[in-house]
Amino acid sequence: MVLKRQLADGDTAVLLVNQDPAGYRNVSTTLAELGLTGPGYSAKDLWTGATGNVTGALGAQVEPHGVVLYRLKPLPGTGPAAVIGDGRYHGISAGGTGGQALEVQGTCSAPDGSPTDINTWWSWHTSEQWNFAPNPDGTVRITDNCYTDTQRHGTLTGATAAGQPARVRNAWDPADPAQKWRVVQSTATGALTITNVATGLVLSAPQTAATSPVVTGPPDGSLVGQSWSLLS
Protein backbone atom coordinates (compact mmCIF):
# COMPACT_ATOMS: atom_id res chain seq x y z
CA MET A 1 0.00 0.00 0.00
CA VAL A 2 1.21 3.53 -0.81
CA LEU A 3 -0.24 6.54 1.01
CA LYS A 4 0.60 10.20 0.50
CA ARG A 5 -0.20 13.51 2.15
CA GLN A 6 0.47 17.07 1.00
CA LEU A 7 2.20 19.02 3.77
CA ALA A 8 1.60 22.65 4.63
CA ASP A 9 4.92 23.85 3.19
CA GLY A 10 4.35 22.13 -0.17
CA ASP A 11 6.40 19.01 0.57
CA THR A 12 4.83 15.57 0.14
CA ALA A 13 4.86 12.74 2.70
CA VAL A 14 4.85 9.24 1.16
CA LEU A 15 4.24 6.14 3.30
CA LEU A 16 5.15 2.70 1.90
CA VAL A 17 3.24 -0.03 3.77
CA ASN A 18 3.90 -3.78 3.77
CA GLN A 19 0.73 -5.55 4.88
CA ASP A 20 2.33 -9.00 4.66
CA PRO A 21 2.83 -10.30 8.23
CA ALA A 22 5.34 -12.94 7.16
CA GLY A 23 7.82 -11.56 4.65
CA TYR A 24 9.66 -8.56 3.25
CA ARG A 25 8.02 -6.84 0.25
CA ASN A 26 9.28 -4.39 -2.34
CA VAL A 27 6.79 -1.50 -2.18
CA SER A 28 7.19 1.10 -4.91
CA THR A 29 5.47 3.94 -6.73
CA THR A 30 6.37 6.67 -9.23
CA LEU A 31 6.21 10.45 -9.26
CA ALA A 32 3.49 10.25 -11.92
CA GLU A 33 1.37 7.91 -9.77
CA LEU A 34 1.79 10.33 -6.86
CA GLY A 35 0.63 13.21 -9.07
CA LEU A 36 3.99 15.00 -8.73
CA THR A 37 4.96 16.78 -11.93
CA GLY A 38 8.28 18.42 -11.09
CA PRO A 39 11.49 17.22 -12.77
CA GLY A 40 12.80 15.71 -9.56
CA TYR A 41 12.52 15.59 -5.78
CA SER A 42 14.83 15.07 -2.85
CA ALA A 43 13.67 12.16 -0.69
CA LYS A 44 14.49 11.80 3.01
CA ASP A 45 13.81 8.54 4.86
CA LEU A 46 12.37 9.84 8.12
CA TRP A 47 13.28 6.67 10.03
CA THR A 48 16.97 6.41 9.03
CA GLY A 49 17.72 9.98 7.92
CA ALA A 50 19.07 8.72 4.58
CA THR A 51 18.58 11.10 1.66
CA GLY A 52 18.61 10.83 -2.12
CA ASN A 53 17.04 12.22 -5.29
CA VAL A 54 14.00 10.80 -7.10
CA THR A 55 13.25 11.48 -10.76
CA GLY A 56 11.01 8.50 -11.56
CA ALA A 57 10.43 5.57 -9.19
CA LEU A 58 10.43 5.56 -5.39
CA GLY A 59 10.54 2.26 -3.50
CA ALA A 60 12.02 0.24 -0.66
CA GLN A 61 12.25 -3.25 0.78
CA VAL A 62 9.82 -3.05 3.70
CA GLU A 63 9.90 -5.47 6.61
CA PRO A 64 6.83 -7.58 7.54
CA HIS A 65 3.98 -5.40 8.78
CA GLY A 66 6.37 -2.45 8.45
CA VAL A 67 6.36 1.00 6.93
CA VAL A 68 8.88 3.37 5.36
CA LEU A 69 8.12 7.09 5.44
CA TYR A 70 9.64 9.57 3.00
CA ARG A 71 9.44 13.34 2.79
CA LEU A 72 9.72 14.61 -0.78
CA LYS A 73 10.83 18.17 -1.56
CA PRO A 74 11.02 19.62 -5.11
CA LEU A 75 14.58 19.95 -6.36
CA PRO A 76 15.76 23.45 -7.27
CA GLY A 77 14.19 24.51 -10.51
CA THR A 78 10.57 24.48 -9.39
CA GLY A 79 8.71 25.88 -6.42
CA PRO A 80 5.27 27.03 -5.29
CA ALA A 81 3.79 29.48 -7.79
CA ALA A 82 4.05 33.16 -6.87
CA VAL A 83 0.39 33.71 -7.84
CA ILE A 84 -0.87 31.53 -4.98
CA GLY A 85 -2.54 33.69 -2.35
CA ASP A 86 -1.72 37.06 -3.94
CA GLY A 87 -5.43 38.01 -3.99
CA ARG A 88 -5.37 38.93 -7.70
CA TYR A 89 -6.99 37.50 -10.81
CA HIS A 90 -4.64 36.43 -13.60
CA GLY A 91 -4.90 35.49 -17.24
CA ILE A 92 -2.92 32.36 -18.11
CA SER A 93 -1.95 30.99 -21.52
CA ALA A 94 -0.84 27.50 -22.51
CA GLY A 95 2.41 27.07 -24.41
CA GLY A 96 2.09 26.79 -28.17
CA THR A 97 -1.29 28.53 -28.35
CA GLY A 98 -0.04 31.95 -29.47
CA GLY A 99 -1.02 33.66 -26.25
CA GLN A 100 -4.60 32.40 -26.08
CA ALA A 101 -6.08 32.35 -22.59
CA LEU A 102 -7.82 29.79 -20.42
CA GLU A 103 -11.50 30.76 -20.28
CA VAL A 104 -14.93 29.56 -19.30
CA GLN A 105 -16.30 28.30 -22.61
CA GLY A 106 -19.15 30.64 -23.53
CA THR A 107 -17.82 33.38 -21.19
CA CYS A 108 -19.60 34.37 -17.98
CA SER A 109 -23.04 33.79 -19.50
CA ALA A 110 -22.27 30.05 -19.74
CA PRO A 111 -24.26 27.69 -17.49
CA ASP A 112 -22.89 26.25 -14.27
CA GLY A 113 -20.63 23.28 -14.97
CA SER A 114 -19.46 24.52 -18.37
CA PRO A 115 -16.16 23.26 -19.78
CA THR A 116 -13.07 25.37 -20.27
CA ASP A 117 -11.28 26.22 -23.51
CA ILE A 118 -8.61 28.54 -24.89
CA ASN A 119 -9.55 31.72 -26.68
CA THR A 120 -8.24 35.16 -27.65
CA TRP A 121 -6.95 37.03 -24.61
CA TRP A 122 -8.98 40.09 -23.67
CA SER A 123 -7.80 41.60 -20.40
CA TRP A 124 -11.29 42.86 -19.53
CA HIS A 125 -13.02 39.46 -19.97
CA THR A 126 -13.66 38.23 -16.44
CA SER A 127 -14.21 34.73 -17.85
CA GLU A 128 -10.46 34.70 -18.61
CA GLN A 129 -9.33 35.85 -15.16
CA TRP A 130 -8.36 33.31 -12.48
CA ASN A 131 -7.57 33.51 -8.78
CA PHE A 132 -5.25 30.99 -7.08
CA ALA A 133 -6.23 30.68 -3.40
CA PRO A 134 -4.39 28.39 -0.95
CA ASN A 135 -6.36 25.70 0.86
CA PRO A 136 -5.54 24.70 4.45
CA ASP A 137 -4.19 21.35 3.23
CA GLY A 138 -1.57 22.95 0.99
CA THR A 139 -3.52 22.58 -2.25
CA VAL A 140 -4.92 25.41 -4.38
CA ARG A 141 -8.45 26.43 -5.34
CA ILE A 142 -8.66 28.12 -8.76
CA THR A 143 -11.73 30.31 -9.40
CA ASP A 144 -12.89 32.52 -12.26
CA ASN A 145 -13.81 36.19 -11.90
CA CYS A 146 -17.36 35.83 -13.23
CA TYR A 147 -20.33 37.04 -11.21
CA THR A 148 -23.51 36.54 -13.23
CA ASP A 149 -26.76 34.63 -12.82
CA THR A 150 -25.07 31.46 -14.13
CA GLN A 151 -21.37 31.86 -13.25
CA ARG A 152 -20.41 32.95 -9.75
CA HIS A 153 -16.69 32.66 -9.14
CA GLY A 154 -16.83 29.09 -10.37
CA THR A 155 -14.18 26.61 -9.21
CA LEU A 156 -11.98 24.92 -11.79
CA THR A 157 -12.75 21.20 -11.48
CA GLY A 158 -10.77 18.33 -12.98
CA ALA A 159 -12.26 15.54 -15.06
CA THR A 160 -12.27 11.94 -13.87
CA ALA A 161 -10.53 10.63 -17.01
CA ALA A 162 -7.66 11.80 -19.20
CA GLY A 163 -8.66 13.81 -22.25
CA GLN A 164 -11.91 15.11 -20.75
CA PRO A 165 -12.43 18.87 -20.32
CA ALA A 166 -11.86 20.66 -17.05
CA ARG A 167 -15.09 22.35 -15.95
CA VAL A 168 -16.12 25.30 -13.81
CA ARG A 169 -18.63 24.64 -11.03
CA ASN A 170 -20.29 27.23 -8.80
CA ALA A 171 -20.54 24.88 -5.82
CA TRP A 172 -17.30 24.53 -3.84
CA ASP A 173 -16.76 21.31 -1.88
CA PRO A 174 -13.58 21.45 0.24
CA ALA A 175 -13.71 17.66 0.56
CA ASP A 176 -13.66 17.11 -3.22
CA PRO A 177 -10.08 16.56 -4.48
CA ALA A 178 -11.25 17.14 -8.08
CA GLN A 179 -11.68 20.83 -7.13
CA LYS A 180 -8.15 21.09 -5.74
CA TRP A 181 -4.88 21.63 -7.60
CA ARG A 182 -1.15 21.72 -7.07
CA VAL A 183 0.50 24.65 -8.85
CA VAL A 184 4.29 24.79 -9.22
CA GLN A 185 6.38 27.34 -11.09
CA SER A 186 9.64 26.96 -12.97
CA THR A 187 12.30 29.20 -11.47
CA ALA A 188 13.98 29.38 -14.88
CA THR A 189 11.02 30.29 -17.11
CA GLY A 190 8.22 31.25 -14.71
CA ALA A 191 5.93 28.70 -16.37
CA LEU A 192 3.19 27.09 -14.26
CA THR A 193 2.30 23.39 -14.11
CA ILE A 194 -1.22 22.80 -12.77
CA THR A 195 -1.97 19.29 -11.48
CA ASN A 196 -5.32 17.96 -10.28
CA VAL A 197 -5.23 16.42 -6.81
CA ALA A 198 -7.87 13.75 -7.48
CA THR A 199 -6.25 12.19 -10.53
CA GLY A 200 -2.67 13.46 -10.80
CA LEU A 201 -3.55 14.64 -14.32
CA VAL A 202 -2.20 17.96 -15.59
CA LEU A 203 -4.18 20.89 -17.04
CA SER A 204 -3.43 20.85 -20.76
CA ALA A 205 -4.32 22.55 -24.04
CA PRO A 206 -3.66 19.76 -26.56
CA GLN A 207 -4.96 21.78 -29.54
CA THR A 208 -4.06 25.31 -30.61
CA ALA A 209 -7.18 26.57 -32.40
CA ALA A 210 -9.38 29.14 -30.65
CA THR A 211 -12.18 27.56 -28.56
CA SER A 212 -10.28 24.25 -28.37
CA PRO A 213 -11.00 22.40 -25.10
CA VAL A 214 -8.71 22.51 -22.10
CA VAL A 215 -8.44 19.03 -20.61
CA THR A 216 -6.49 17.10 -18.00
CA GLY A 217 -3.94 14.59 -19.20
CA PRO A 218 -0.98 12.50 -18.01
CA PRO A 219 2.01 14.68 -17.09
CA ASP A 220 4.45 14.94 -20.00
CA GLY A 221 7.21 17.52 -19.94
CA SER A 222 7.50 17.40 -23.74
CA LEU A 223 3.95 18.79 -24.22
CA VAL A 224 4.08 22.59 -24.42
CA GLY A 225 0.31 22.77 -23.84
CA GLN A 226 0.90 21.69 -20.21
CA SER A 227 3.11 24.74 -19.55
CA TRP A 228 1.12 27.85 -18.60
CA SER A 229 2.43 31.41 -18.62
CA LEU A 230 1.01 34.51 -16.98
CA LEU A 231 -0.72 37.08 -19.18
CA SER A 232 -1.53 39.45 -16.33
C-alpha atoms as a PDB file:
ATOM      1  CA  MET A   1       0.000   0.000   0.000  1.00  0.00           C
ATOM      2  CA  VAL A   2       1.207   3.528  -0.813  1.00  0.00           C
ATOM      3  CA  LEU A   3      -0.239   6.536   1.015  1.00  0.00           C
ATOM      4  CA  LYS A   4       0.597  10.198   0.495  1.00  0.00           C
ATOM      5  CA  ARG A   5      -0.198  13.513   2.151  1.00  0.00           C
ATOM      6  CA  GLN A   6       0.470  17.066   1.004  1.00  0.00           C
ATOM      7  CA  LEU A   7       2.203  19.020   3.773  1.00  0.00           C
ATOM      8  CA  ALA A   8       1.596  22.654   4.633  1.00  0.00           C
ATOM      9  CA  ASP A   9       4.925  23.851   3.193  1.00  0.00           C
ATOM     10  CA  GLY A  10       4.349  22.128  -0.167  1.00  0.00           C
ATOM     11  CA  ASP A  11       6.402  19.011   0.575  1.00  0.00           C
ATOM     12  CA  THR A  12       4.831  15.570   0.143  1.00  0.00           C
ATOM     13  CA  ALA A  13       4.859  12.740   2.697  1.00  0.00           C
ATOM     14  CA  VAL A  14       4.847   9.241   1.164  1.00  0.00           C
ATOM     15  CA  LEU A  15       4.242   6.137   3.299  1.00  0.00           C
ATOM     16  CA  LEU A  16       5.149   2.702   1.899  1.00  0.00           C
ATOM     17  CA  VAL A  17       3.244  -0.028   3.771  1.00  0.00           C
ATOM     18  CA  ASN A  18       3.902  -3.782   3.770  1.00  0.00           C
ATOM     19  CA  GLN A  19       0.729  -5.546   4.878  1.00  0.00           C
ATOM     20  CA  ASP A  20       2.327  -9.005   4.664  1.00  0.00           C
ATOM     21  CA  PRO A  21       2.831 -10.305   8.234  1.00  0.00           C
ATOM     22  CA  ALA A  22       5.344 -12.939   7.157  1.00  0.00           C
ATOM     23  CA  GLY A  23       7.823 -11.559   4.653  1.00  0.00           C
ATOM     24  CA  TYR A  24       9.657  -8.560   3.247  1.00  0.00           C
ATOM     25  CA  ARG A  25       8.021  -6.843   0.251  1.00  0.00           C
ATOM     26  CA  ASN A  26       9.283  -4.387  -2.335  1.00  0.00           C
ATOM     27  CA  VAL A  27       6.792  -1.502  -2.184  1.00  0.00           C
ATOM     28  CA  SER A  28       7.185   1.095  -4.913  1.00  0.00           C
ATOM     29  CA  THR A  29       5.473   3.938  -6.727  1.00  0.00           C
ATOM     30  CA  THR A  30       6.374   6.671  -9.225  1.00  0.00           C
ATOM     31  CA  LEU A  31       6.215  10.454  -9.264  1.00  0.00           C
ATOM     32  CA  ALA A  32       3.491  10.253 -11.916  1.00  0.00           C
ATOM     33  CA  GLU A  33       1.371   7.910  -9.767  1.00  0.00           C
ATOM     34  CA  LEU A  34       1.790  10.329  -6.859  1.00  0.00           C
ATOM     35  CA  GLY A  35       0.629  13.211  -9.066  1.00  0.00           C
ATOM     36  CA  LEU A  36       3.985  15.000  -8.729  1.00  0.00           C
ATOM     37  CA  THR A  37       4.956  16.782 -11.933  1.00  0.00           C
ATOM     38  CA  GLY A  38       8.280  18.421 -11.090  1.00  0.00           C
ATOM     39  CA  PRO A  39      11.492  17.224 -12.772  1.00  0.00           C
ATOM     40  CA  GLY A  40      12.803  15.710  -9.561  1.00  0.00           C
ATOM     41  CA  TYR A  41      12.522  15.593  -5.785  1.00  0.00           C
ATOM     42  CA  SER A  42      14.830  15.070  -2.847  1.00  0.00           C
ATOM     43  CA  ALA A  43      13.675  12.164  -0.690  1.00  0.00           C
ATOM     44  CA  LYS A  44      14.487  11.802   3.010  1.00  0.00           C
ATOM     45  CA  ASP A  45      13.806   8.540   4.861  1.00  0.00           C
ATOM     46  CA  LEU A  46      12.366   9.844   8.118  1.00  0.00           C
ATOM     47  CA  TRP A  47      13.284   6.672  10.029  1.00  0.00           C
ATOM     48  CA  THR A  48      16.967   6.411   9.025  1.00  0.00           C
ATOM     49  CA  GLY A  49      17.721   9.981   7.919  1.00  0.00           C
ATOM     50  CA  ALA A  50      19.070   8.715   4.582  1.00  0.00           C
ATOM     51  CA  THR A  51      18.580  11.104   1.656  1.00  0.00           C
ATOM     52  CA  GLY A  52      18.614  10.830  -2.125  1.00  0.00           C
ATOM     53  CA  ASN A  53      17.045  12.224  -5.285  1.00  0.00           C
ATOM     54  CA  VAL A  54      14.002  10.803  -7.096  1.00  0.00           C
ATOM     55  CA  THR A  55      13.251  11.481 -10.764  1.00  0.00           C
ATOM     56  CA  GLY A  56      11.012   8.496 -11.561  1.00  0.00           C
ATOM     57  CA  ALA A  57      10.434   5.574  -9.194  1.00  0.00           C
ATOM     58  CA  LEU A  58      10.429   5.558  -5.392  1.00  0.00           C
ATOM     59  CA  GLY A  59      10.543   2.264  -3.501  1.00  0.00           C
ATOM     60  CA  ALA A  60      12.018   0.245  -0.661  1.00  0.00           C
ATOM     61  CA  GLN A  61      12.250  -3.249   0.782  1.00  0.00           C
ATOM     62  CA  VAL A  62       9.816  -3.051   3.698  1.00  0.00           C
ATOM     63  CA  GLU A  63       9.899  -5.472   6.614  1.00  0.00           C
ATOM     64  CA  PRO A  64       6.826  -7.582   7.537  1.00  0.00           C
ATOM     65  CA  HIS A  65       3.979  -5.396   8.784  1.00  0.00           C
ATOM     66  CA  GLY A  66       6.371  -2.454   8.446  1.00  0.00           C
ATOM     67  CA  VAL A  67       6.362   1.003   6.928  1.00  0.00           C
ATOM     68  CA  VAL A  68       8.881   3.372   5.360  1.00  0.00           C
ATOM     69  CA  LEU A  69       8.117   7.092   5.442  1.00  0.00           C
ATOM     70  CA  TYR A  70       9.642   9.572   3.002  1.00  0.00           C
ATOM     71  CA  ARG A  71       9.437  13.344   2.794  1.00  0.00           C
ATOM     72  CA  LEU A  72       9.725  14.609  -0.783  1.00  0.00           C
ATOM     73  CA  LYS A  73      10.827  18.170  -1.565  1.00  0.00           C
ATOM     74  CA  PRO A  74      11.024  19.619  -5.111  1.00  0.00           C
ATOM     75  CA  LEU A  75      14.576  19.955  -6.356  1.00  0.00           C
ATOM     76  CA  PRO A  76      15.763  23.445  -7.274  1.00  0.00           C
ATOM     77  CA  GLY A  77      14.186  24.510 -10.515  1.00  0.00           C
ATOM     78  CA  THR A  78      10.569  24.482  -9.388  1.00  0.00           C
ATOM     79  CA  GLY A  79       8.713  25.879  -6.416  1.00  0.00           C
ATOM     80  CA  PRO A  80       5.271  27.035  -5.289  1.00  0.00           C
ATOM     81  CA  ALA A  81       3.792  29.478  -7.786  1.00  0.00           C
ATOM     82  CA  ALA A  82       4.048  33.155  -6.865  1.00  0.00           C
ATOM     83  CA  VAL A  83       0.388  33.707  -7.837  1.00  0.00           C
ATOM     84  CA  ILE A  84      -0.869  31.527  -4.984  1.00  0.00           C
ATOM     85  CA  GLY A  85      -2.541  33.689  -2.354  1.00  0.00           C
ATOM     86  CA  ASP A  86      -1.723  37.056  -3.945  1.00  0.00           C
ATOM     87  CA  GLY A  87      -5.426  38.015  -3.992  1.00  0.00           C
ATOM     88  CA  ARG A  88      -5.372  38.930  -7.695  1.00  0.00           C
ATOM     89  CA  TYR A  89      -6.986  37.495 -10.813  1.00  0.00           C
ATOM     90  CA  HIS A  90      -4.642  36.427 -13.602  1.00  0.00           C
ATOM     91  CA  GLY A  91      -4.903  35.490 -17.235  1.00  0.00           C
ATOM     92  CA  ILE A  92      -2.921  32.360 -18.112  1.00  0.00           C
ATOM     93  CA  SER A  93      -1.951  30.993 -21.517  1.00  0.00           C
ATOM     94  CA  ALA A  94      -0.840  27.496 -22.514  1.00  0.00           C
ATOM     95  CA  GLY A  95       2.410  27.073 -24.411  1.00  0.00           C
ATOM     96  CA  GLY A  96       2.088  26.787 -28.173  1.00  0.00           C
ATOM     97  CA  THR A  97      -1.292  28.535 -28.355  1.00  0.00           C
ATOM     98  CA  GLY A  98      -0.041  31.947 -29.471  1.00  0.00           C
ATOM     99  CA  GLY A  99      -1.022  33.661 -26.249  1.00  0.00           C
ATOM    100  CA  GLN A 100      -4.599  32.401 -26.083  1.00  0.00           C
ATOM    101  CA  ALA A 101      -6.082  32.353 -22.593  1.00  0.00           C
ATOM    102  CA  LEU A 102      -7.818  29.795 -20.423  1.00  0.00           C
ATOM    103  CA  GLU A 103     -11.502  30.763 -20.282  1.00  0.00           C
ATOM    104  CA  VAL A 104     -14.927  29.564 -19.298  1.00  0.00           C
ATOM    105  CA  GLN A 105     -16.304  28.301 -22.608  1.00  0.00           C
ATOM    106  CA  GLY A 106     -19.145  30.637 -23.534  1.00  0.00           C
ATOM    107  CA  THR A 107     -17.819  33.379 -21.193  1.00  0.00           C
ATOM    108  CA  CYS A 108     -19.595  34.373 -17.983  1.00  0.00           C
ATOM    109  CA  SER A 109     -23.039  33.786 -19.496  1.00  0.00           C
ATOM    110  CA  ALA A 110     -22.270  30.046 -19.743  1.00  0.00           C
ATOM    111  CA  PRO A 111     -24.258  27.692 -17.495  1.00  0.00           C
ATOM    112  CA  ASP A 112     -22.892  26.251 -14.274  1.00  0.00           C
ATOM    113  CA  GLY A 113     -20.628  23.283 -14.969  1.00  0.00           C
ATOM    114  CA  SER A 114     -19.463  24.523 -18.374  1.00  0.00           C
ATOM    115  CA  PRO A 115     -16.160  23.256 -19.785  1.00  0.00           C
ATOM    116  CA  THR A 116     -13.069  25.375 -20.270  1.00  0.00           C
ATOM    117  CA  ASP A 117     -11.280  26.221 -23.507  1.00  0.00           C
ATOM    118  CA  ILE A 118      -8.613  28.538 -24.888  1.00  0.00           C
ATOM    119  CA  ASN A 119      -9.547  31.724 -26.681  1.00  0.00           C
ATOM    120  CA  THR A 120      -8.236  35.161 -27.646  1.00  0.00           C
ATOM    121  CA  TRP A 121      -6.945  37.027 -24.605  1.00  0.00           C
ATOM    122  CA  TRP A 122      -8.979  40.090 -23.672  1.00  0.00           C
ATOM    123  CA  SER A 123      -7.803  41.598 -20.400  1.00  0.00           C
ATOM    124  CA  TRP A 124     -11.294  42.858 -19.527  1.00  0.00           C
ATOM    125  CA  HIS A 125     -13.015  39.463 -19.968  1.00  0.00           C
ATOM    126  CA  THR A 126     -13.659  38.227 -16.438  1.00  0.00           C
ATOM    127  CA  SER A 127     -14.207  34.726 -17.848  1.00  0.00           C
ATOM    128  CA  GLU A 128     -10.456  34.698 -18.614  1.00  0.00           C
ATOM    129  CA  GLN A 129      -9.332  35.852 -15.164  1.00  0.00           C
ATOM    130  CA  TRP A 130      -8.363  33.311 -12.476  1.00  0.00           C
ATOM    131  CA  ASN A 131      -7.566  33.510  -8.785  1.00  0.00           C
ATOM    132  CA  PHE A 132      -5.255  30.990  -7.078  1.00  0.00           C
ATOM    133  CA  ALA A 133      -6.231  30.676  -3.404  1.00  0.00           C
ATOM    134  CA  PRO A 134      -4.390  28.389  -0.948  1.00  0.00           C
ATOM    135  CA  ASN A 135      -6.363  25.700   0.856  1.00  0.00           C
ATOM    136  CA  PRO A 136      -5.543  24.696   4.455  1.00  0.00           C
ATOM    137  CA  ASP A 137      -4.190  21.346   3.231  1.00  0.00           C
ATOM    138  CA  GLY A 138      -1.565  22.955   0.986  1.00  0.00           C
ATOM    139  CA  THR A 139      -3.516  22.581  -2.246  1.00  0.00           C
ATOM    140  CA  VAL A 140      -4.917  25.407  -4.379  1.00  0.00           C
ATOM    141  CA  ARG A 141      -8.454  26.429  -5.337  1.00  0.00           C
ATOM    142  CA  ILE A 142      -8.663  28.119  -8.759  1.00  0.00           C
ATOM    143  CA  THR A 143     -11.731  30.315  -9.403  1.00  0.00           C
ATOM    144  CA  ASP A 144     -12.891  32.525 -12.262  1.00  0.00           C
ATOM    145  CA  ASN A 145     -13.810  36.191 -11.899  1.00  0.00           C
ATOM    146  CA  CYS A 146     -17.360  35.830 -13.233  1.00  0.00           C
ATOM    147  CA  TYR A 147     -20.330  37.044 -11.213  1.00  0.00           C
ATOM    148  CA  THR A 148     -23.511  36.543 -13.227  1.00  0.00           C
ATOM    149  CA  ASP A 149     -26.760  34.629 -12.824  1.00  0.00           C
ATOM    150  CA  THR A 150     -25.068  31.464 -14.128  1.00  0.00           C
ATOM    151  CA  GLN A 151     -21.366  31.856 -13.254  1.00  0.00           C
ATOM    152  CA  ARG A 152     -20.410  32.949  -9.748  1.00  0.00           C
ATOM    153  CA  HIS A 153     -16.691  32.662  -9.138  1.00  0.00           C
ATOM    154  CA  GLY A 154     -16.828  29.087 -10.372  1.00  0.00           C
ATOM    155  CA  THR A 155     -14.176  26.615  -9.205  1.00  0.00           C
ATOM    156  CA  LEU A 156     -11.981  24.918 -11.794  1.00  0.00           C
ATOM    157  CA  THR A 157     -12.753  21.199 -11.482  1.00  0.00           C
ATOM    158  CA  GLY A 158     -10.769  18.333 -12.976  1.00  0.00           C
ATOM    159  CA  ALA A 159     -12.260  15.540 -15.057  1.00  0.00           C
ATOM    160  CA  THR A 160     -12.266  11.944 -13.869  1.00  0.00           C
ATOM    161  CA  ALA A 161     -10.527  10.631 -17.010  1.00  0.00           C
ATOM    162  CA  ALA A 162      -7.664  11.801 -19.202  1.00  0.00           C
ATOM    163  CA  GLY A 163      -8.658  13.815 -22.253  1.00  0.00           C
ATOM    164  CA  GLN A 164     -11.905  15.106 -20.750  1.00  0.00           C
ATOM    165  CA  PRO A 165     -12.431  18.869 -20.321  1.00  0.00           C
ATOM    166  CA  ALA A 166     -11.860  20.657 -17.049  1.00  0.00           C
ATOM    167  CA  ARG A 167     -15.091  22.346 -15.949  1.00  0.00           C
ATOM    168  CA  VAL A 168     -16.122  25.300 -13.813  1.00  0.00           C
ATOM    169  CA  ARG A 169     -18.629  24.642 -11.029  1.00  0.00           C
ATOM    170  CA  ASN A 170     -20.285  27.234  -8.802  1.00  0.00           C
ATOM    171  CA  ALA A 171     -20.538  24.883  -5.819  1.00  0.00           C
ATOM    172  CA  TRP A 172     -17.303  24.526  -3.836  1.00  0.00           C
ATOM    173  CA  ASP A 173     -16.761  21.308  -1.882  1.00  0.00           C
ATOM    174  CA  PRO A 174     -13.576  21.453   0.237  1.00  0.00           C
ATOM    175  CA  ALA A 175     -13.715  17.660   0.561  1.00  0.00           C
ATOM    176  CA  ASP A 176     -13.662  17.106  -3.223  1.00  0.00           C
ATOM    177  CA  PRO A 177     -10.079  16.559  -4.485  1.00  0.00           C
ATOM    178  CA  ALA A 178     -11.250  17.138  -8.077  1.00  0.00           C
ATOM    179  CA  GLN A 179     -11.675  20.828  -7.133  1.00  0.00           C
ATOM    180  CA  LYS A 180      -8.148  21.091  -5.744  1.00  0.00           C
ATOM    181  CA  TRP A 181      -4.882  21.629  -7.605  1.00  0.00           C
ATOM    182  CA  ARG A 182      -1.149  21.720  -7.068  1.00  0.00           C
ATOM    183  CA  VAL A 183       0.504  24.645  -8.849  1.00  0.00           C
ATOM    184  CA  VAL A 184       4.293  24.788  -9.224  1.00  0.00           C
ATOM    185  CA  GLN A 185       6.381  27.343 -11.089  1.00  0.00           C
ATOM    186  CA  SER A 186       9.643  26.962 -12.971  1.00  0.00           C
ATOM    187  CA  THR A 187      12.301  29.200 -11.467  1.00  0.00           C
ATOM    188  CA  ALA A 188      13.980  29.378 -14.881  1.00  0.00           C
ATOM    189  CA  THR A 189      11.020  30.287 -17.112  1.00  0.00           C
ATOM    190  CA  GLY A 190       8.218  31.253 -14.712  1.00  0.00           C
ATOM    191  CA  ALA A 191       5.928  28.702 -16.367  1.00  0.00           C
ATOM    192  CA  LEU A 192       3.193  27.089 -14.262  1.00  0.00           C
ATOM    193  CA  THR A 193       2.303  23.392 -14.112  1.00  0.00           C
ATOM    194  CA  ILE A 194      -1.217  22.795 -12.770  1.00  0.00           C
ATOM    195  CA  THR A 195      -1.968  19.286 -11.477  1.00  0.00           C
ATOM    196  CA  ASN A 196      -5.323  17.961 -10.280  1.00  0.00           C
ATOM    197  CA  VAL A 197      -5.231  16.421  -6.811  1.00  0.00           C
ATOM    198  CA  ALA A 198      -7.866  13.752  -7.475  1.00  0.00           C
ATOM    199  CA  THR A 199      -6.253  12.193 -10.526  1.00  0.00           C
ATOM    200  CA  GLY A 200      -2.671  13.462 -10.802  1.00  0.00           C
ATOM    201  CA  LEU A 201      -3.547  14.637 -14.321  1.00  0.00           C
ATOM    202  CA  VAL A 202      -2.202  17.957 -15.594  1.00  0.00           C
ATOM    203  CA  LEU A 203      -4.181  20.890 -17.039  1.00  0.00           C
ATOM    204  CA  SER A 204      -3.431  20.847 -20.757  1.00  0.00           C
ATOM    205  CA  ALA A 205      -4.319  22.554 -24.038  1.00  0.00           C
ATOM    206  CA  PRO A 206      -3.665  19.758 -26.565  1.00  0.00           C
ATOM    207  CA  GLN A 207      -4.963  21.782 -29.540  1.00  0.00           C
ATOM    208  CA  THR A 208      -4.063  25.313 -30.607  1.00  0.00           C
ATOM    209  CA  ALA A 209      -7.181  26.574 -32.400  1.00  0.00           C
ATOM    210  CA  ALA A 210      -9.384  29.136 -30.654  1.00  0.00           C
ATOM    211  CA  THR A 211     -12.178  27.558 -28.555  1.00  0.00           C
ATOM    212  CA  SER A 212     -10.277  24.248 -28.373  1.00  0.00           C
ATOM    213  CA  PRO A 213     -10.997  22.399 -25.104  1.00  0.00           C
ATOM    214  CA  VAL A 214      -8.708  22.513 -22.097  1.00  0.00           C
ATOM    215  CA  VAL A 215      -8.441  19.030 -20.612  1.00  0.00           C
ATOM    216  CA  THR A 216      -6.492  17.103 -18.004  1.00  0.00           C
ATOM    217  CA  GLY A 217      -3.939  14.591 -19.203  1.00  0.00           C
ATOM    218  CA  PRO A 218      -0.982  12.502 -18.007  1.00  0.00           C
ATOM    219  CA  PRO A 219       2.005  14.683 -17.092  1.00  0.00           C
ATOM    220  CA  ASP A 220       4.448  14.942 -19.999  1.00  0.00           C
ATOM    221  CA  GLY A 221       7.212  17.523 -19.940  1.00  0.00           C
ATOM    222  CA  SER A 222       7.496  17.404 -23.744  1.00  0.00           C
ATOM    223  CA  LEU A 223       3.949  18.790 -24.224  1.00  0.00           C
ATOM    224  CA  VAL A 224       4.077  22.592 -24.421  1.00  0.00           C
ATOM    225  CA  GLY A 225       0.311  22.766 -23.841  1.00  0.00           C
ATOM    226  CA  GLN A 226       0.903  21.691 -20.211  1.00  0.00           C
ATOM    227  CA  SER A 227       3.106  24.737 -19.548  1.00  0.00           C
ATOM    228  CA  TRP A 228       1.115  27.849 -18.596  1.00  0.00           C
ATOM    229  CA  SER A 229       2.430  31.409 -18.625  1.00  0.00           C
ATOM    230  CA  LEU A 230       1.008  34.515 -16.976  1.00  0.00           C
ATOM    231  CA  LEU A 231      -0.721  37.080 -19.181  1.00  0.00           C
ATOM    232  CA  SER A 232      -1.529  39.446 -16.331  1.00  0.00           C
END
